[in-house]
């Protein structure tokens, strides 16, 4: 799965709390996102893409935007091959 296929799923999930967020927008700065959503987002990413997030993955920069999350997911998928 390439990052272009990952982005739509992330975008759909994030739009529940941050409607209209662009792929490069910082989802924590646009409003509507709180710590509970952050936990839900982690669970969604692991479940939706069947990856295991490690402690070193849990940095804000990896979840700040749809682009950043797509890159993280792609890196994790690439290491599973």
N, C-alpha and C. Protein backbone atom coordinates (compact mmCIF):
# COMPACT_ATOMS: atom_id res chain seq x y z
N UNK A 1 0.86 -1.19 0.00
CA UNK A 1 0.00 0.00 0.00
C UNK A 1 0.90 1.24 0.00
N UNK A 2 0.75 2.06 -0.98
CA UNK A 2 1.53 3.29 -1.06
C UNK A 2 0.87 4.38 -0.23
N UNK A 3 1.63 5.43 0.11
CA UNK A 3 1.09 6.49 0.96
C UNK A 3 -0.15 7.13 0.37
N UNK A 4 -0.29 7.14 -0.95
CA UNK A 4 -1.50 7.71 -1.55
C UNK A 4 -2.74 6.91 -1.19
N UNK A 5 -2.60 5.61 -0.96
CA UNK A 5 -3.71 4.78 -0.53
C UNK A 5 -3.97 4.87 0.96
N UNK A 6 -2.97 5.29 1.70
CA UNK A 6 -3.07 5.42 3.16
C UNK A 6 -3.78 6.72 3.52
N UNK A 7 -3.45 7.78 2.83
CA UNK A 7 -3.99 9.11 3.16
C UNK A 7 -5.52 9.18 3.23
N UNK A 8 -6.24 8.61 2.26
CA UNK A 8 -7.70 8.72 2.33
C UNK A 8 -8.30 8.12 3.60
N UNK A 9 -7.75 7.02 4.07
CA UNK A 9 -8.25 6.40 5.29
C UNK A 9 -7.95 7.27 6.50
N UNK A 10 -6.75 7.83 6.55
CA UNK A 10 -6.39 8.73 7.64
C UNK A 10 -7.25 9.99 7.60
N UNK A 11 -7.44 10.52 6.41
CA UNK A 11 -8.23 11.74 6.23
C UNK A 11 -9.66 11.53 6.72
N UNK A 12 -10.24 10.39 6.36
CA UNK A 12 -11.61 10.10 6.79
C UNK A 12 -11.70 10.02 8.32
N UNK A 13 -10.76 9.33 8.93
CA UNK A 13 -10.79 9.21 10.39
C UNK A 13 -10.58 10.57 11.06
N UNK A 14 -9.62 11.32 10.61
CA UNK A 14 -9.32 12.62 11.22
C UNK A 14 -10.45 13.63 11.01
N UNK A 15 -11.18 13.49 9.93
CA UNK A 15 -12.25 14.46 9.64
C UNK A 15 -13.38 14.38 10.67
N UNK A 16 -13.45 13.31 11.44
CA UNK A 16 -14.48 13.22 12.48
C UNK A 16 -14.25 14.24 13.58
N UNK A 17 -13.02 14.65 13.79
CA UNK A 17 -12.69 15.62 14.84
C UNK A 17 -12.18 16.95 14.28
N UNK A 18 -11.62 16.89 13.10
CA UNK A 18 -11.05 18.09 12.49
C UNK A 18 -11.53 18.18 11.05
N UNK A 19 -12.82 18.49 10.85
CA UNK A 19 -13.36 18.54 9.48
C UNK A 19 -12.61 19.54 8.60
N UNK A 20 -12.38 19.13 7.38
CA UNK A 20 -11.73 20.02 6.42
C UNK A 20 -10.23 20.14 6.59
N UNK A 21 -9.65 19.32 7.44
CA UNK A 21 -8.20 19.40 7.64
C UNK A 21 -7.49 18.96 6.35
N UNK A 22 -6.51 19.74 5.95
CA UNK A 22 -5.71 19.40 4.77
C UNK A 22 -4.60 18.45 5.17
N UNK A 23 -4.06 17.73 4.21
CA UNK A 23 -3.05 16.71 4.51
C UNK A 23 -1.82 17.26 5.22
N UNK A 24 -1.49 18.50 4.99
CA UNK A 24 -0.31 19.09 5.61
C UNK A 24 -0.60 19.89 6.87
N UNK A 25 -1.87 20.05 7.22
CA UNK A 25 -2.24 20.82 8.42
C UNK A 25 -1.87 20.07 9.69
N UNK A 26 -1.45 20.81 10.70
CA UNK A 26 -1.20 20.22 12.01
C UNK A 26 -2.55 19.99 12.68
N UNK A 27 -2.93 18.73 12.83
CA UNK A 27 -4.27 18.42 13.34
C UNK A 27 -4.45 18.85 14.79
N UNK A 28 -3.36 19.02 15.53
CA UNK A 28 -3.46 19.45 16.91
C UNK A 28 -3.64 20.96 17.03
N UNK A 29 -3.31 21.68 15.96
CA UNK A 29 -3.44 23.13 15.97
C UNK A 29 -4.75 23.62 15.36
N UNK A 30 -5.41 22.79 14.56
CA UNK A 30 -6.64 23.25 13.91
C UNK A 30 -7.85 23.18 14.84
N UNK A 31 -7.70 22.53 15.97
CA UNK A 31 -8.78 22.46 16.95
C UNK A 31 -9.60 21.20 16.83
N UNK A 32 -10.29 20.86 17.90
CA UNK A 32 -11.15 19.69 17.92
C UNK A 32 -10.44 18.41 18.28
N UNK A 33 -9.13 18.45 18.39
CA UNK A 33 -8.36 17.27 18.70
C UNK A 33 -7.85 17.39 20.14
N UNK A 34 -8.09 16.33 20.92
CA UNK A 34 -7.63 16.33 22.30
C UNK A 34 -6.88 15.04 22.59
N UNK A 35 -6.52 14.82 23.86
CA UNK A 35 -5.73 13.65 24.21
C UNK A 35 -6.50 12.35 23.99
N UNK A 36 -7.80 12.36 24.20
CA UNK A 36 -8.60 11.17 23.94
C UNK A 36 -8.57 10.81 22.46
N UNK A 37 -8.70 11.80 21.61
CA UNK A 37 -8.62 11.55 20.17
C UNK A 37 -7.25 11.01 19.80
N UNK A 38 -6.21 11.50 20.44
CA UNK A 38 -4.85 11.02 20.15
C UNK A 38 -4.75 9.52 20.42
N UNK A 39 -5.33 9.06 21.52
CA UNK A 39 -5.33 7.63 21.84
C UNK A 39 -6.15 6.85 20.82
N UNK A 40 -7.32 7.39 20.46
CA UNK A 40 -8.15 6.75 19.44
C UNK A 40 -7.41 6.67 18.10
N UNK A 41 -6.66 7.71 17.79
CA UNK A 41 -5.90 7.75 16.55
C UNK A 41 -4.83 6.66 16.53
N UNK A 42 -4.12 6.49 17.64
CA UNK A 42 -3.11 5.43 17.72
C UNK A 42 -3.74 4.06 17.48
N UNK A 43 -4.86 3.81 18.14
CA UNK A 43 -5.55 2.52 17.98
C UNK A 43 -6.02 2.34 16.54
N UNK A 44 -6.55 3.40 15.94
CA UNK A 44 -7.01 3.32 14.55
C UNK A 44 -5.85 2.98 13.62
N UNK A 45 -4.74 3.66 13.78
CA UNK A 45 -3.59 3.44 12.89
C UNK A 45 -3.11 2.00 13.00
N UNK A 46 -3.00 1.50 14.21
CA UNK A 46 -2.55 0.11 14.38
C UNK A 46 -3.54 -0.88 13.77
N UNK A 47 -4.82 -0.68 14.04
CA UNK A 47 -5.84 -1.61 13.55
C UNK A 47 -6.05 -1.51 12.04
N UNK A 48 -6.18 -0.31 11.54
CA UNK A 48 -6.50 -0.12 10.13
C UNK A 48 -5.39 -0.58 9.19
N UNK A 49 -4.15 -0.41 9.63
CA UNK A 49 -3.03 -0.73 8.75
C UNK A 49 -2.26 -1.97 9.21
N UNK A 50 -2.76 -2.59 10.28
CA UNK A 50 -2.15 -3.82 10.82
C UNK A 50 -0.66 -3.65 11.07
N UNK A 51 -0.35 -2.60 11.82
CA UNK A 51 1.03 -2.35 12.21
C UNK A 51 1.09 -2.25 13.73
N UNK A 52 2.27 -2.44 14.26
CA UNK A 52 2.49 -2.26 15.70
C UNK A 52 3.35 -1.02 15.89
N UNK A 53 2.82 -0.09 16.63
CA UNK A 53 3.58 1.13 16.92
C UNK A 53 4.48 0.88 18.13
N UNK A 54 5.71 1.29 18.01
CA UNK A 54 6.70 1.15 19.08
C UNK A 54 6.82 2.48 19.83
N UNK A 55 7.44 2.44 20.99
CA UNK A 55 7.61 3.66 21.78
C UNK A 55 8.24 4.79 20.98
N UNK A 56 9.24 4.44 20.16
CA UNK A 56 9.93 5.49 19.39
C UNK A 56 9.04 6.10 18.30
N UNK A 57 7.95 5.43 17.96
CA UNK A 57 7.01 5.97 16.96
C UNK A 57 6.07 7.00 17.55
N UNK A 58 5.93 7.00 18.87
CA UNK A 58 4.91 7.81 19.53
C UNK A 58 5.37 9.24 19.80
N UNK A 59 5.90 9.85 18.78
CA UNK A 59 6.31 11.25 18.85
C UNK A 59 5.27 12.11 18.14
N UNK A 60 5.04 13.29 18.68
CA UNK A 60 4.03 14.19 18.11
C UNK A 60 4.27 14.43 16.62
N UNK A 61 5.53 14.55 16.23
CA UNK A 61 5.83 14.85 14.82
C UNK A 61 5.31 13.76 13.89
N UNK A 62 5.20 12.52 14.35
CA UNK A 62 4.70 11.43 13.52
C UNK A 62 3.19 11.46 13.35
N UNK A 63 2.49 12.23 14.21
CA UNK A 63 1.03 12.27 14.18
C UNK A 63 0.49 13.68 13.99
N UNK A 64 1.37 14.62 13.65
CA UNK A 64 0.95 16.02 13.57
C UNK A 64 0.10 16.32 12.33
N UNK A 65 0.26 15.52 11.29
CA UNK A 65 -0.51 15.76 10.06
C UNK A 65 -0.81 14.44 9.38
N UNK A 66 -1.72 14.48 8.45
CA UNK A 66 -2.03 13.29 7.68
C UNK A 66 -0.81 12.84 6.88
N UNK A 67 -0.06 13.79 6.34
CA UNK A 67 1.16 13.44 5.61
C UNK A 67 2.16 12.74 6.51
N UNK A 68 2.35 13.24 7.73
CA UNK A 68 3.30 12.63 8.67
C UNK A 68 2.85 11.23 9.06
N UNK A 69 1.57 11.06 9.30
CA UNK A 69 1.05 9.74 9.66
C UNK A 69 1.19 8.76 8.50
N UNK A 70 0.91 9.22 7.29
CA UNK A 70 1.03 8.36 6.11
C UNK A 70 2.47 7.91 5.93
N UNK A 71 3.41 8.80 6.16
CA UNK A 71 4.82 8.45 6.05
C UNK A 71 5.21 7.42 7.11
N UNK A 72 4.73 7.61 8.33
CA UNK A 72 5.00 6.66 9.40
C UNK A 72 4.44 5.28 9.05
N UNK A 73 3.19 5.24 8.64
CA UNK A 73 2.56 3.97 8.28
C UNK A 73 3.34 3.31 7.16
N UNK A 74 3.71 4.07 6.15
CA UNK A 74 4.46 3.50 5.03
C UNK A 74 5.80 2.92 5.51
N UNK A 75 6.50 3.64 6.38
CA UNK A 75 7.77 3.13 6.92
C UNK A 75 7.56 1.82 7.66
N UNK A 76 6.51 1.76 8.47
CA UNK A 76 6.23 0.55 9.24
C UNK A 76 5.86 -0.61 8.30
N UNK A 77 5.08 -0.33 7.29
CA UNK A 77 4.71 -1.38 6.33
C UNK A 77 5.93 -1.88 5.57
N UNK A 78 6.80 -0.95 5.21
CA UNK A 78 8.02 -1.32 4.46
C UNK A 78 8.92 -2.24 5.29
N UNK A 79 8.96 -2.03 6.60
CA UNK A 79 9.82 -2.87 7.45
C UNK A 79 9.21 -4.25 7.68
N UNK A 80 7.92 -4.41 7.44
CA UNK A 80 7.25 -5.69 7.62
C UNK A 80 7.43 -6.61 6.42
N UNK A 81 7.88 -6.06 5.32
CA UNK A 81 8.02 -6.87 4.08
C UNK A 81 9.21 -7.77 4.15
